[in-house]
Structures are given as C-alpha cells and as structure tokens.
N, C-alpha and C. Protein backbone atom coordinates (compact mmCIF):
# COMPACT_ATOMS: atom_id res chain seq x y z
N MET A 1 0.84 -1.18 0.00
CA MET A 1 0.00 0.00 0.00
C MET A 1 0.89 1.25 0.00
N GLN A 2 0.58 2.17 -0.91
CA GLN A 2 1.35 3.41 -0.96
C GLN A 2 0.98 4.30 0.21
N ILE A 3 1.99 4.77 0.91
CA ILE A 3 1.78 5.60 2.09
C ILE A 3 1.94 7.08 1.77
N GLU A 4 3.01 7.41 1.06
CA GLU A 4 3.34 8.82 0.83
C GLU A 4 4.30 8.95 -0.33
N THR A 5 4.32 10.10 -0.95
CA THR A 5 5.33 10.43 -1.95
C THR A 5 5.99 11.75 -1.54
N ALA A 6 7.23 11.93 -1.98
CA ALA A 6 7.96 13.15 -1.64
C ALA A 6 9.05 13.36 -2.67
N ASN A 7 9.54 14.59 -2.74
CA ASN A 7 10.60 14.91 -3.68
C ASN A 7 11.98 14.52 -3.16
N ASP A 8 12.05 14.11 -1.89
CA ASP A 8 13.31 13.69 -1.30
C ASP A 8 13.09 12.41 -0.51
N TYR A 9 14.18 11.70 -0.29
CA TYR A 9 14.14 10.45 0.46
C TYR A 9 13.93 10.68 1.95
N GLU A 10 14.53 11.72 2.51
CA GLU A 10 14.56 11.91 3.96
C GLU A 10 13.17 11.97 4.60
N PRO A 11 12.19 12.69 4.03
CA PRO A 11 10.87 12.72 4.67
C PRO A 11 10.22 11.33 4.79
N LEU A 12 10.49 10.47 3.82
CA LEU A 12 9.91 9.13 3.87
C LEU A 12 10.61 8.27 4.92
N ALA A 13 11.93 8.41 5.01
CA ALA A 13 12.66 7.69 6.05
C ALA A 13 12.20 8.14 7.43
N ALA A 14 11.87 9.43 7.55
CA ALA A 14 11.39 9.95 8.82
C ALA A 14 10.03 9.35 9.19
N ILE A 15 9.19 9.11 8.18
CA ILE A 15 7.89 8.48 8.43
C ILE A 15 8.09 7.07 8.98
N VAL A 16 9.01 6.32 8.38
CA VAL A 16 9.29 4.96 8.86
C VAL A 16 9.81 5.01 10.30
N ALA A 17 10.72 5.93 10.57
CA ALA A 17 11.27 6.05 11.92
C ALA A 17 10.19 6.40 12.93
N ASP A 18 9.22 7.18 12.51
CA ASP A 18 8.15 7.61 13.42
C ASP A 18 7.11 6.51 13.62
N ARG A 19 6.69 5.86 12.55
CA ARG A 19 5.60 4.88 12.63
C ARG A 19 6.09 3.47 12.98
N ALA A 20 7.33 3.20 12.66
CA ALA A 20 7.88 1.86 12.94
C ALA A 20 9.26 2.00 13.55
N PRO A 21 9.35 2.51 14.77
CA PRO A 21 10.65 2.78 15.38
C PRO A 21 11.51 1.53 15.58
N ARG A 22 10.88 0.36 15.59
CA ARG A 22 11.64 -0.87 15.79
C ARG A 22 11.94 -1.59 14.47
N ALA A 23 11.59 -0.93 13.37
CA ALA A 23 11.84 -1.55 12.06
C ALA A 23 13.34 -1.70 11.82
N ARG A 24 13.69 -2.81 11.21
CA ARG A 24 15.10 -3.14 10.95
C ARG A 24 15.43 -2.82 9.50
N PHE A 25 16.48 -2.03 9.31
CA PHE A 25 16.92 -1.71 7.95
C PHE A 25 17.60 -2.93 7.34
N LEU A 26 17.15 -3.34 6.17
CA LEU A 26 17.69 -4.52 5.51
C LEU A 26 18.79 -4.09 4.53
N ASP A 27 20.01 -4.08 5.03
CA ASP A 27 21.14 -3.54 4.27
C ASP A 27 21.38 -4.27 2.96
N GLU A 28 21.42 -5.60 3.02
CA GLU A 28 21.79 -6.36 1.83
C GLU A 28 20.68 -6.38 0.79
N ILE A 29 19.44 -6.49 1.23
CA ILE A 29 18.33 -6.44 0.28
C ILE A 29 18.29 -5.07 -0.37
N THR A 30 18.53 -4.03 0.41
CA THR A 30 18.60 -2.68 -0.14
C THR A 30 19.74 -2.58 -1.16
N ALA A 31 20.89 -3.15 -0.83
CA ALA A 31 22.03 -3.10 -1.75
C ALA A 31 21.74 -3.83 -3.05
N HIS A 32 21.11 -4.99 -2.97
CA HIS A 32 20.79 -5.75 -4.18
C HIS A 32 19.73 -5.06 -5.02
N ALA A 33 18.82 -4.35 -4.35
CA ALA A 33 17.79 -3.62 -5.10
C ALA A 33 18.38 -2.37 -5.76
N GLY A 34 19.43 -1.83 -5.16
CA GLY A 34 20.05 -0.61 -5.66
C GLY A 34 19.90 0.49 -4.63
N ALA A 35 20.92 0.66 -3.80
CA ALA A 35 20.80 1.57 -2.65
C ALA A 35 20.56 3.01 -3.05
N ASP A 36 20.90 3.40 -4.27
CA ASP A 36 20.66 4.78 -4.70
C ASP A 36 19.18 5.07 -4.90
N TYR A 37 18.40 4.00 -5.11
CA TYR A 37 16.99 4.20 -5.44
C TYR A 37 16.03 3.38 -4.57
N HIS A 38 16.58 2.67 -3.59
CA HIS A 38 15.73 1.82 -2.75
C HIS A 38 16.22 1.82 -1.31
N SER A 39 15.28 1.72 -0.38
CA SER A 39 15.58 1.43 1.03
C SER A 39 14.47 0.51 1.52
N VAL A 40 14.87 -0.56 2.21
CA VAL A 40 13.91 -1.57 2.65
C VAL A 40 14.08 -1.82 4.14
N TRP A 41 12.94 -1.84 4.85
CA TRP A 41 12.94 -2.12 6.29
C TRP A 41 11.97 -3.26 6.57
N LEU A 42 12.26 -4.03 7.60
CA LEU A 42 11.36 -5.07 8.08
C LEU A 42 10.94 -4.73 9.50
N ASP A 43 9.63 -4.61 9.71
CA ASP A 43 9.10 -4.40 11.05
C ASP A 43 8.56 -5.74 11.56
N GLU A 44 9.34 -6.40 12.39
CA GLU A 44 8.95 -7.72 12.87
C GLU A 44 7.84 -7.66 13.91
N THR A 45 7.57 -6.49 14.47
CA THR A 45 6.51 -6.38 15.47
C THR A 45 5.13 -6.55 14.84
N ASP A 46 4.96 -6.06 13.62
CA ASP A 46 3.67 -6.25 12.95
C ASP A 46 3.82 -6.99 11.62
N THR A 47 4.99 -7.62 11.42
CA THR A 47 5.30 -8.46 10.26
C THR A 47 5.00 -7.76 8.93
N THR A 48 5.54 -6.55 8.80
CA THR A 48 5.36 -5.79 7.57
C THR A 48 6.70 -5.30 7.04
N VAL A 49 6.68 -4.91 5.77
CA VAL A 49 7.87 -4.39 5.09
C VAL A 49 7.58 -2.97 4.62
N TRP A 50 8.54 -2.08 4.88
CA TRP A 50 8.50 -0.72 4.38
C TRP A 50 9.51 -0.60 3.24
N HIS A 51 9.12 0.12 2.19
CA HIS A 51 9.98 0.21 1.01
C HIS A 51 9.89 1.61 0.42
N ALA A 52 10.97 2.36 0.52
CA ALA A 52 11.07 3.66 -0.12
C ALA A 52 11.84 3.49 -1.42
N TRP A 53 11.29 4.01 -2.51
CA TRP A 53 11.93 3.79 -3.79
C TRP A 53 11.70 4.95 -4.75
N SER A 54 12.58 5.02 -5.72
CA SER A 54 12.47 6.05 -6.75
C SER A 54 12.97 5.46 -8.07
N GLU A 55 12.44 5.94 -9.16
CA GLU A 55 12.92 5.51 -10.47
C GLU A 55 14.21 6.26 -10.80
N PRO A 56 15.18 5.59 -11.43
CA PRO A 56 16.43 6.26 -11.80
C PRO A 56 16.17 7.52 -12.64
N GLY A 57 16.82 8.60 -12.26
CA GLY A 57 16.68 9.84 -13.00
C GLY A 57 15.50 10.69 -12.59
N GLU A 58 14.68 10.21 -11.66
CA GLU A 58 13.52 10.97 -11.20
C GLU A 58 13.73 11.44 -9.77
N ASP A 59 13.08 12.56 -9.44
CA ASP A 59 13.20 13.12 -8.10
C ASP A 59 12.13 12.59 -7.15
N LEU A 60 11.03 12.08 -7.70
CA LEU A 60 9.91 11.65 -6.86
C LEU A 60 10.22 10.33 -6.17
N TRP A 61 10.04 10.29 -4.85
CA TRP A 61 10.20 9.08 -4.05
C TRP A 61 8.83 8.62 -3.56
N THR A 62 8.66 7.27 -3.46
CA THR A 62 7.41 6.68 -3.00
C THR A 62 7.70 5.77 -1.82
N LEU A 63 6.81 5.80 -0.84
CA LEU A 63 6.94 4.92 0.33
C LEU A 63 5.79 3.94 0.33
N ASP A 64 6.12 2.63 0.27
CA ASP A 64 5.13 1.57 0.31
C ASP A 64 5.22 0.85 1.66
N HIS A 65 4.08 0.30 2.08
CA HIS A 65 4.02 -0.48 3.33
C HIS A 65 3.10 -1.66 3.07
N GLU A 66 3.62 -2.89 3.23
CA GLU A 66 2.84 -4.07 2.89
C GLU A 66 3.18 -5.23 3.81
N PRO A 67 2.28 -6.21 3.92
CA PRO A 67 2.58 -7.41 4.71
C PRO A 67 3.82 -8.12 4.19
N ALA A 68 4.56 -8.73 5.08
CA ALA A 68 5.79 -9.41 4.68
C ALA A 68 5.53 -10.47 3.62
N GLY A 69 4.41 -11.17 3.74
CA GLY A 69 4.08 -12.20 2.76
C GLY A 69 3.91 -11.66 1.36
N GLU A 70 3.38 -10.43 1.24
CA GLU A 70 3.21 -9.82 -0.07
C GLU A 70 4.53 -9.30 -0.62
N ALA A 71 5.40 -8.83 0.25
CA ALA A 71 6.70 -8.31 -0.19
C ALA A 71 7.67 -9.42 -0.54
N LEU A 72 7.40 -10.62 -0.07
CA LEU A 72 8.34 -11.72 -0.23
C LEU A 72 8.67 -12.01 -1.69
N ALA A 73 7.68 -11.92 -2.58
CA ALA A 73 7.90 -12.26 -3.99
C ALA A 73 8.91 -11.32 -4.63
N TRP A 74 8.73 -10.01 -4.47
CA TRP A 74 9.65 -9.10 -5.15
C TRP A 74 11.02 -9.07 -4.47
N ILE A 75 11.05 -9.31 -3.16
CA ILE A 75 12.34 -9.37 -2.48
C ILE A 75 13.13 -10.60 -2.96
N THR A 76 12.45 -11.74 -3.08
CA THR A 76 13.11 -12.95 -3.57
C THR A 76 13.63 -12.74 -4.98
N GLU A 77 12.83 -12.09 -5.83
CA GLU A 77 13.27 -11.80 -7.20
C GLU A 77 14.50 -10.89 -7.20
N THR A 78 14.50 -9.92 -6.29
CA THR A 78 15.63 -9.01 -6.18
C THR A 78 16.92 -9.75 -5.85
N LEU A 79 16.80 -10.83 -5.09
CA LEU A 79 17.97 -11.59 -4.64
C LEU A 79 18.28 -12.79 -5.54
N THR A 80 17.72 -12.82 -6.73
CA THR A 80 17.89 -13.98 -7.62
C THR A 80 19.36 -14.33 -7.83
N LEU A 81 20.20 -13.35 -8.14
CA LEU A 81 21.62 -13.62 -8.41
C LEU A 81 22.30 -14.18 -7.17
N ALA A 82 22.01 -13.60 -6.01
CA ALA A 82 22.62 -14.08 -4.76
C ALA A 82 22.18 -15.50 -4.46
N LEU A 83 20.90 -15.78 -4.64
CA LEU A 83 20.39 -17.12 -4.33
C LEU A 83 20.95 -18.16 -5.30
N ASP A 84 21.10 -17.78 -6.57
CA ASP A 84 21.70 -18.70 -7.53
C ASP A 84 23.14 -19.00 -7.17
N SER A 85 23.87 -17.99 -6.73
CA SER A 85 25.27 -18.18 -6.35
C SER A 85 25.39 -19.05 -5.12
N LEU A 86 24.50 -18.84 -4.14
CA LEU A 86 24.53 -19.65 -2.93
C LEU A 86 24.17 -21.10 -3.21
N ALA A 87 23.31 -21.32 -4.19
CA ALA A 87 22.92 -22.68 -4.53
C ALA A 87 24.05 -23.45 -5.18
N SER A 88 24.93 -22.76 -5.92
CA SER A 88 26.05 -23.42 -6.59
C SER A 88 27.31 -22.58 -6.39
N PRO A 89 27.81 -22.50 -5.15
CA PRO A 89 28.96 -21.61 -4.88
C PRO A 89 30.22 -21.99 -5.64
N GLU A 90 30.36 -23.29 -5.95
CA GLU A 90 31.56 -23.72 -6.66
C GLU A 90 31.55 -23.24 -8.12
N GLU A 91 30.39 -22.83 -8.61
CA GLU A 91 30.28 -22.37 -10.00
C GLU A 91 30.05 -20.87 -10.11
N ALA A 92 29.98 -20.18 -8.99
CA ALA A 92 29.66 -18.74 -8.99
C ALA A 92 30.89 -17.92 -9.39
N GLU A 93 30.83 -17.32 -10.57
CA GLU A 93 31.98 -16.55 -11.05
C GLU A 93 32.24 -15.33 -10.17
N ASN A 94 31.17 -14.73 -9.61
CA ASN A 94 31.39 -13.55 -8.78
C ASN A 94 32.12 -13.90 -7.49
N TYR A 95 32.06 -15.16 -7.04
CA TYR A 95 32.83 -15.56 -5.87
C TYR A 95 34.31 -15.69 -6.20
N LEU A 96 34.57 -16.10 -7.45
CA LEU A 96 35.97 -16.20 -7.88
C LEU A 96 36.59 -14.81 -8.01
N ASP A 97 35.78 -13.86 -8.50
CA ASP A 97 36.31 -12.53 -8.79
C ASP A 97 36.31 -11.59 -7.59
N GLN A 98 35.44 -11.88 -6.60
CA GLN A 98 35.29 -10.94 -5.48
C GLN A 98 35.40 -11.70 -4.16
N ALA A 99 36.54 -11.62 -3.53
CA ALA A 99 36.72 -12.28 -2.23
C ALA A 99 35.77 -11.66 -1.20
N GLY A 100 35.09 -12.52 -0.48
CA GLY A 100 34.16 -12.06 0.55
C GLY A 100 32.75 -11.82 0.05
N ARG A 101 32.53 -11.94 -1.25
CA ARG A 101 31.19 -11.71 -1.79
C ARG A 101 30.19 -12.72 -1.22
N GLU A 102 30.68 -13.94 -0.95
CA GLU A 102 29.77 -14.96 -0.41
C GLU A 102 29.23 -14.55 0.96
N GLU A 103 30.02 -13.78 1.73
CA GLU A 103 29.53 -13.33 3.03
C GLU A 103 28.39 -12.34 2.87
N ASP A 104 28.47 -11.47 1.86
CA ASP A 104 27.38 -10.54 1.58
C ASP A 104 26.12 -11.29 1.20
N ASP A 105 26.28 -12.34 0.38
CA ASP A 105 25.12 -13.11 -0.05
C ASP A 105 24.52 -13.90 1.12
N LEU A 106 25.36 -14.39 2.01
CA LEU A 106 24.84 -15.08 3.20
C LEU A 106 24.08 -14.11 4.09
N ASP A 107 24.56 -12.88 4.19
CA ASP A 107 23.83 -11.85 4.95
C ASP A 107 22.48 -11.56 4.29
N ALA A 108 22.49 -11.51 2.96
CA ALA A 108 21.23 -11.29 2.23
C ALA A 108 20.25 -12.43 2.49
N LEU A 109 20.78 -13.66 2.53
CA LEU A 109 19.93 -14.81 2.83
C LEU A 109 19.35 -14.71 4.24
N ASN A 110 20.15 -14.25 5.19
CA ASN A 110 19.64 -14.06 6.55
C ASN A 110 18.48 -13.07 6.56
N GLU A 111 18.62 -11.99 5.80
CA GLU A 111 17.55 -10.99 5.74
C GLU A 111 16.30 -11.56 5.07
N LEU A 112 16.51 -12.32 4.00
CA LEU A 112 15.37 -12.94 3.32
C LEU A 112 14.65 -13.90 4.26
N GLU A 113 15.40 -14.66 5.02
CA GLU A 113 14.78 -15.59 5.98
C GLU A 113 14.02 -14.84 7.06
N ALA A 114 14.51 -13.68 7.46
CA ALA A 114 13.79 -12.87 8.43
C ALA A 114 12.44 -12.44 7.88
N VAL A 115 12.41 -12.08 6.60
CA VAL A 115 11.15 -11.70 5.96
C VAL A 115 10.22 -12.91 5.85
N ARG A 116 10.78 -14.05 5.49
CA ARG A 116 9.96 -15.26 5.38
C ARG A 116 9.37 -15.67 6.73
N LEU A 117 10.17 -15.58 7.77
CA LEU A 117 9.67 -15.91 9.10
C LEU A 117 8.60 -14.92 9.54
N ALA A 118 8.80 -13.65 9.21
CA ALA A 118 7.78 -12.65 9.54
C ALA A 118 6.46 -12.98 8.83
N ALA A 119 6.57 -13.40 7.57
CA ALA A 119 5.36 -13.79 6.83
C ALA A 119 4.67 -14.97 7.49
N LEU A 120 5.45 -15.94 7.95
CA LEU A 120 4.88 -17.11 8.63
C LEU A 120 4.26 -16.72 9.97
N ARG A 121 4.81 -15.73 10.63
CA ARG A 121 4.29 -15.32 11.93
C ARG A 121 3.00 -14.51 11.81
N THR A 122 2.63 -14.14 10.59
CA THR A 122 1.40 -13.39 10.40
C THR A 122 0.20 -14.18 10.90
N GLY A 123 0.23 -15.49 10.67
CA GLY A 123 -0.87 -16.34 11.12
C GLY A 123 -0.76 -16.75 12.57
N SER A 124 0.48 -16.99 13.01
CA SER A 124 0.71 -17.44 14.38
C SER A 124 2.16 -17.19 14.75
N ALA A 125 2.38 -16.71 15.96
CA ALA A 125 3.75 -16.48 16.43
C ALA A 125 4.31 -17.71 17.14
N ASN A 126 3.51 -18.76 17.26
CA ASN A 126 3.94 -19.98 17.94
C ASN A 126 5.02 -20.68 17.11
N PRO A 127 6.23 -20.83 17.64
CA PRO A 127 7.32 -21.45 16.85
C PRO A 127 7.02 -22.88 16.44
N VAL A 128 6.21 -23.58 17.23
CA VAL A 128 5.87 -24.97 16.86
C VAL A 128 4.96 -24.97 15.64
N VAL A 129 4.01 -24.05 15.60
CA VAL A 129 3.12 -23.94 14.44
C VAL A 129 3.93 -23.55 13.20
N ILE A 130 4.85 -22.60 13.37
CA ILE A 130 5.69 -22.17 12.26
C ILE A 130 6.55 -23.32 11.76
N ASP A 131 7.11 -24.09 12.68
CA ASP A 131 7.92 -25.25 12.30
C ASP A 131 7.09 -26.24 11.50
N ARG A 132 5.85 -26.45 11.91
CA ARG A 132 4.98 -27.37 11.19
C ARG A 132 4.73 -26.89 9.76
N ARG A 133 4.56 -25.59 9.59
CA ARG A 133 4.35 -25.04 8.25
C ARG A 133 5.60 -25.19 7.38
N ILE A 134 6.76 -24.95 7.99
CA ILE A 134 8.01 -25.09 7.24
C ILE A 134 8.21 -26.54 6.82
N ARG A 135 7.94 -27.48 7.74
CA ARG A 135 8.11 -28.90 7.40
C ARG A 135 7.13 -29.32 6.31
N SER A 136 5.94 -28.75 6.34
CA SER A 136 4.97 -29.06 5.29
C SER A 136 5.48 -28.59 3.93
N GLU A 137 6.10 -27.40 3.91
CA GLU A 137 6.67 -26.90 2.66
C GLU A 137 7.84 -27.77 2.22
N MET A 138 8.65 -28.21 3.17
CA MET A 138 9.76 -29.10 2.84
C MET A 138 9.25 -30.40 2.22
N ASP A 139 8.19 -30.95 2.79
CA ASP A 139 7.61 -32.19 2.25
C ASP A 139 7.13 -31.98 0.82
N ALA A 140 6.53 -30.82 0.56
CA ALA A 140 6.04 -30.53 -0.78
C ALA A 140 7.21 -30.46 -1.77
N HIS A 141 8.31 -29.87 -1.35
CA HIS A 141 9.48 -29.79 -2.22
C HIS A 141 10.09 -31.17 -2.44
N ARG A 142 10.10 -32.00 -1.40
CA ARG A 142 10.63 -33.35 -1.57
C ARG A 142 9.82 -34.13 -2.60
N GLU A 143 8.50 -33.96 -2.55
CA GLU A 143 7.66 -34.66 -3.51
C GLU A 143 7.92 -34.16 -4.92
N GLN A 144 8.13 -32.86 -5.06
CA GLN A 144 8.45 -32.30 -6.37
C GLN A 144 9.77 -32.84 -6.88
N ILE A 145 10.74 -32.99 -5.98
CA ILE A 145 12.04 -33.54 -6.36
C ILE A 145 11.88 -34.99 -6.81
N ARG A 146 11.02 -35.75 -6.12
CA ARG A 146 10.78 -37.14 -6.53
C ARG A 146 10.18 -37.19 -7.95
N LEU A 147 9.27 -36.28 -8.22
CA LEU A 147 8.66 -36.25 -9.55
C LEU A 147 9.71 -35.88 -10.61
N LEU A 148 10.58 -34.93 -10.29
CA LEU A 148 11.63 -34.56 -11.23
C LEU A 148 12.63 -35.69 -11.41
N ALA A 149 12.91 -36.43 -10.34
CA ALA A 149 13.82 -37.57 -10.44
C ALA A 149 13.22 -38.63 -11.36
N ARG A 150 11.90 -38.81 -11.27
CA ARG A 150 11.25 -39.78 -12.15
C ARG A 150 11.32 -39.32 -13.61
N LEU A 151 11.13 -38.02 -13.82
CA LEU A 151 11.23 -37.47 -15.17
C LEU A 151 12.65 -37.65 -15.71
N ARG A 152 13.64 -37.40 -14.86
CA ARG A 152 15.03 -37.59 -15.27
C ARG A 152 15.28 -39.05 -15.63
N ALA A 153 14.73 -39.96 -14.84
CA ALA A 153 14.91 -41.38 -15.11
C ALA A 153 14.29 -41.76 -16.45
N SER A 154 13.12 -41.21 -16.74
CA SER A 154 12.47 -41.51 -18.02
C SER A 154 13.33 -41.04 -19.18
N ASN A 155 13.93 -39.87 -19.04
CA ASN A 155 14.81 -39.36 -20.09
C ASN A 155 16.02 -40.26 -20.28
N LEU A 156 16.64 -40.67 -19.17
CA LEU A 156 17.84 -41.51 -19.27
C LEU A 156 17.50 -42.90 -19.79
N GLN A 157 16.35 -43.43 -19.39
CA GLN A 157 15.95 -44.75 -19.88
C GLN A 157 15.73 -44.72 -21.38
N GLN A 158 15.10 -43.64 -21.87
CA GLN A 158 14.87 -43.53 -23.31
C GLN A 158 16.19 -43.38 -24.07
N ALA A 159 17.15 -42.68 -23.45
CA ALA A 159 18.42 -42.42 -24.13
C ALA A 159 19.38 -43.61 -24.07
N PHE A 160 19.42 -44.29 -22.91
CA PHE A 160 20.44 -45.32 -22.69
C PHE A 160 19.87 -46.71 -22.44
N GLY A 161 18.55 -46.82 -22.30
CA GLY A 161 17.93 -48.10 -22.06
C GLY A 161 18.00 -48.50 -20.59
N THR A 162 17.61 -49.74 -20.34
CA THR A 162 17.61 -50.25 -18.96
C THR A 162 18.39 -51.57 -18.85
N GLU A 163 19.08 -51.91 -19.91
CA GLU A 163 19.83 -53.15 -19.91
C GLU A 163 21.08 -53.04 -19.04
N ARG A 164 21.82 -54.13 -18.96
CA ARG A 164 22.96 -54.21 -18.04
C ARG A 164 23.99 -53.10 -18.25
N GLY A 165 24.28 -52.73 -19.47
CA GLY A 165 25.31 -51.72 -19.74
C GLY A 165 24.82 -50.29 -19.70
N ALA A 166 23.53 -50.08 -19.43
CA ALA A 166 22.97 -48.73 -19.47
C ALA A 166 23.61 -47.78 -18.46
N PRO A 167 23.78 -48.17 -17.19
CA PRO A 167 24.39 -47.24 -16.23
C PRO A 167 25.79 -46.79 -16.64
N ALA A 168 26.59 -47.70 -17.17
CA ALA A 168 27.95 -47.35 -17.58
C ALA A 168 27.92 -46.35 -18.73
N ALA A 169 27.03 -46.57 -19.70
CA ALA A 169 26.92 -45.66 -20.84
C ALA A 169 26.43 -44.29 -20.38
N ALA A 170 25.44 -44.29 -19.50
CA ALA A 170 24.92 -43.02 -18.98
C ALA A 170 25.98 -42.30 -18.17
N ALA A 171 26.75 -43.06 -17.39
CA ALA A 171 27.80 -42.46 -16.57
C ALA A 171 28.84 -41.75 -17.44
N ARG A 172 29.23 -42.38 -18.54
CA ARG A 172 30.22 -41.76 -19.43
C ARG A 172 29.67 -40.47 -20.04
N ALA A 173 28.41 -40.51 -20.43
CA ALA A 173 27.81 -39.33 -21.08
C ALA A 173 27.59 -38.19 -20.09
N LEU A 174 27.21 -38.52 -18.87
CA LEU A 174 26.88 -37.50 -17.87
C LEU A 174 28.08 -37.05 -17.06
N GLY A 175 29.15 -37.83 -17.09
CA GLY A 175 30.32 -37.49 -16.30
C GLY A 175 30.13 -37.77 -14.83
N VAL A 176 29.37 -38.84 -14.51
CA VAL A 176 29.15 -39.22 -13.12
C VAL A 176 29.60 -40.66 -12.94
N THR A 177 29.54 -41.17 -11.72
CA THR A 177 29.93 -42.54 -11.47
C THR A 177 28.84 -43.49 -11.96
N PRO A 178 29.20 -44.72 -12.28
CA PRO A 178 28.18 -45.69 -12.69
C PRO A 178 27.09 -45.90 -11.63
N GLU A 179 27.47 -45.84 -10.35
CA GLU A 179 26.48 -46.02 -9.30
C GLU A 179 25.48 -44.86 -9.29
N ALA A 180 25.98 -43.65 -9.49
CA ALA A 180 25.09 -42.49 -9.55
C ALA A 180 24.15 -42.60 -10.74
N ALA A 181 24.68 -43.05 -11.86
CA ALA A 181 23.84 -43.23 -13.05
C ALA A 181 22.81 -44.32 -12.82
N ARG A 182 23.23 -45.40 -12.15
CA ARG A 182 22.29 -46.49 -11.87
C ARG A 182 21.12 -46.00 -11.02
N ARG A 183 21.44 -45.20 -9.98
CA ARG A 183 20.39 -44.68 -9.11
C ARG A 183 19.45 -43.76 -9.88
N ALA A 184 20.03 -42.95 -10.77
CA ALA A 184 19.21 -42.02 -11.54
C ALA A 184 18.26 -42.77 -12.48
N ILE A 185 18.78 -43.82 -13.12
CA ILE A 185 17.95 -44.58 -14.06
C ILE A 185 16.86 -45.36 -13.33
N SER A 186 17.16 -45.82 -12.13
CA SER A 186 16.18 -46.64 -11.40
C SER A 186 15.17 -45.82 -10.62
N ALA A 187 15.30 -44.48 -10.62
CA ALA A 187 14.41 -43.64 -9.83
C ALA A 187 12.95 -43.79 -10.24
N ALA A 188 12.69 -44.02 -11.52
CA ALA A 188 11.30 -44.17 -11.98
C ALA A 188 10.67 -45.42 -11.38
N ASP A 189 11.41 -46.53 -11.42
CA ASP A 189 10.88 -47.77 -10.85
C ASP A 189 10.67 -47.64 -9.35
N GLU A 190 11.61 -46.97 -8.68
CA GLU A 190 11.48 -46.78 -7.24
C GLU A 190 10.27 -45.92 -6.91
N PHE A 191 10.02 -44.90 -7.71
CA PHE A 191 8.85 -44.04 -7.50
C PHE A 191 7.57 -44.85 -7.66
N ASP A 192 7.51 -45.62 -8.76
CA ASP A 192 6.31 -46.41 -9.03
C ASP A 192 6.07 -47.43 -7.92
N ASN A 193 7.12 -48.09 -7.48
CA ASN A 193 6.99 -49.09 -6.41
C ASN A 193 6.51 -48.44 -5.12
N ARG A 194 7.02 -47.24 -4.84
CA ARG A 194 6.61 -46.54 -3.62
C ARG A 194 5.12 -46.23 -3.67
N VAL A 195 4.64 -45.78 -4.83
CA VAL A 195 3.22 -45.47 -4.97
C VAL A 195 2.38 -46.73 -4.81
N ARG A 196 2.78 -47.80 -5.46
CA ARG A 196 2.01 -49.05 -5.38
C ARG A 196 1.98 -49.59 -3.95
N GLU A 197 3.13 -49.56 -3.27
CA GLU A 197 3.18 -50.07 -1.90
C GLU A 197 2.34 -49.23 -0.94
N ALA A 198 2.39 -47.91 -1.14
CA ALA A 198 1.61 -47.03 -0.27
C ALA A 198 0.12 -47.23 -0.49
N ALA A 199 -0.29 -47.37 -1.74
CA ALA A 199 -1.70 -47.60 -2.04
C ALA A 199 -2.17 -48.92 -1.48
N ALA A 200 -1.35 -49.96 -1.64
CA ALA A 200 -1.71 -51.28 -1.12
C ALA A 200 -1.80 -51.25 0.40
N GLN A 201 -0.89 -50.55 1.05
CA GLN A 201 -0.91 -50.45 2.51
C GLN A 201 -2.15 -49.71 2.99
N ALA A 202 -2.53 -48.67 2.25
CA ALA A 202 -3.72 -47.91 2.63
C ALA A 202 -4.98 -48.77 2.52
N ARG A 203 -5.06 -49.55 1.45
CA ARG A 203 -6.22 -50.44 1.29
C ARG A 203 -6.25 -51.50 2.38
N LYS A 204 -5.08 -52.03 2.72
CA LYS A 204 -5.00 -53.05 3.76
C LYS A 204 -5.47 -52.50 5.10
N GLU A 205 -5.01 -51.27 5.43
CA GLU A 205 -5.40 -50.66 6.70
C GLU A 205 -6.90 -50.38 6.74
N ARG A 206 -7.46 -49.97 5.62
CA ARG A 206 -8.90 -49.73 5.59
C ARG A 206 -9.68 -51.03 5.77
N GLN A 207 -9.21 -52.08 5.13
CA GLN A 207 -9.89 -53.38 5.28
C GLN A 207 -9.83 -53.87 6.72
N GLU A 208 -8.68 -53.63 7.39
CA GLU A 208 -8.56 -54.05 8.79
C GLU A 208 -9.50 -53.25 9.68
N LEU A 209 -9.63 -51.95 9.39
CA LEU A 209 -10.56 -51.13 10.16
C LEU A 209 -12.00 -51.57 9.95
N GLU A 210 -12.34 -51.89 8.70
CA GLU A 210 -13.69 -52.34 8.41
C GLU A 210 -13.98 -53.68 9.08
N ALA A 211 -12.95 -54.54 9.12
CA ALA A 211 -13.13 -55.85 9.78
C ALA A 211 -13.35 -55.68 11.28
N GLN A 212 -12.68 -54.70 11.86
CA GLN A 212 -12.84 -54.44 13.29
C GLN A 212 -14.21 -53.86 13.62
N GLY A 213 -14.74 -53.11 12.63
CA GLY A 213 -16.04 -52.48 12.87
C GLY A 213 -17.18 -53.44 12.68
C-alpha cells in the first residue's frame, strides 16, 4: 500500500522512523535492489515491510508499506543472483572474482529468511506452528524432487535403455559414477513401487478397520 510520496528520500525515512521505530533496515536487500533508489525495512513487530523507492533519474520518491508475505515475492526476485550463487557456490563466477562476496550473499539470505519468518508469523507467532508449516513446505518440495527424479529417469531410460550396460553408458555421457547413473535410471521404478506399496498399505489398513467395525 502506498503511504506517501515526496521529492526527497529523507521525509519518507522519517515516516518509517516515526511509525515503525523498531523496524530493521535490511542492508543487503537494499544493496541488491540498488541503494541509490531503494531502502527496505522489516518491522517484525507487525510483520510488515517498508519500502522507499524512486525511479532512476527521477526526483519523486514513493513509500510503500505491505505485509511481509506480499513483499516476499519481489524481495526474492531481487535476490535472484545471490540465491543462484549460494545454490552453486563452486560455479559462482562472482565468488571467484570478489573475495568475501559470499559473506554478503549469506547476509542477504539471513535478511530474506527474516522476511519469510515474519510472513509465517502473520498467522501465528507460535514457533511450533511455524515449524509445522516449514516442514509441510519441505515435504512438498521433496515430492516435487521425486517427480523430477522420475522425469530424469524416463529421459535416461529412453536415451540409454535399462539393460545391463545402461548405467555405464549413462555415466560416461553424464560425467558421473556408474552407481550415480544407476540410481538415476532406477528412480522411476522406485517411484512407481513406492506409490504401489503405499496404495496397497492404505487399502490393507482400511480393510482391517472395516473388519474391526
């Protein structure tokens, strides 16, 4: 929600200081957004984000105030490069070129997590409830990874087959060990077996309950 506009940054910063005296300035998120044209604060007391911003070359500044959950999308997008580097630090060229850059990105991740936790606390401040929500999200990601692993297996099976020499051929092409290739190729069968076993177990448990009733 837009709160105010001004020809200078200072009046908007003063509004944040007055209305949210405990708001935390997010240095790294501000830096990634562009400190010349952005300032971002997190108020953990009411789980909201304040954002003062201006378009390059313009004098007009705007102050927005929104729930942390709504700000999370654009903040995450702002940190795309940092998050990509943290996900694959051994391949991050900016880490090779700039000593200590990884520490800045880790600080940015800490700030992003603070925003995410604030968003989770909007519904409940109980850490046990928040933990349950985080674990639920983790489970959803694990299931997505299983589906992607099955898709990968289907691709490898079509390319290299499932016969005895398939893992070795896949390993040479992918540059991985034969055991890693074997696991990748067999992921589809493992997924299917898991589904069949779970369904059969569910039917068995229902039949036992019905027999007891």
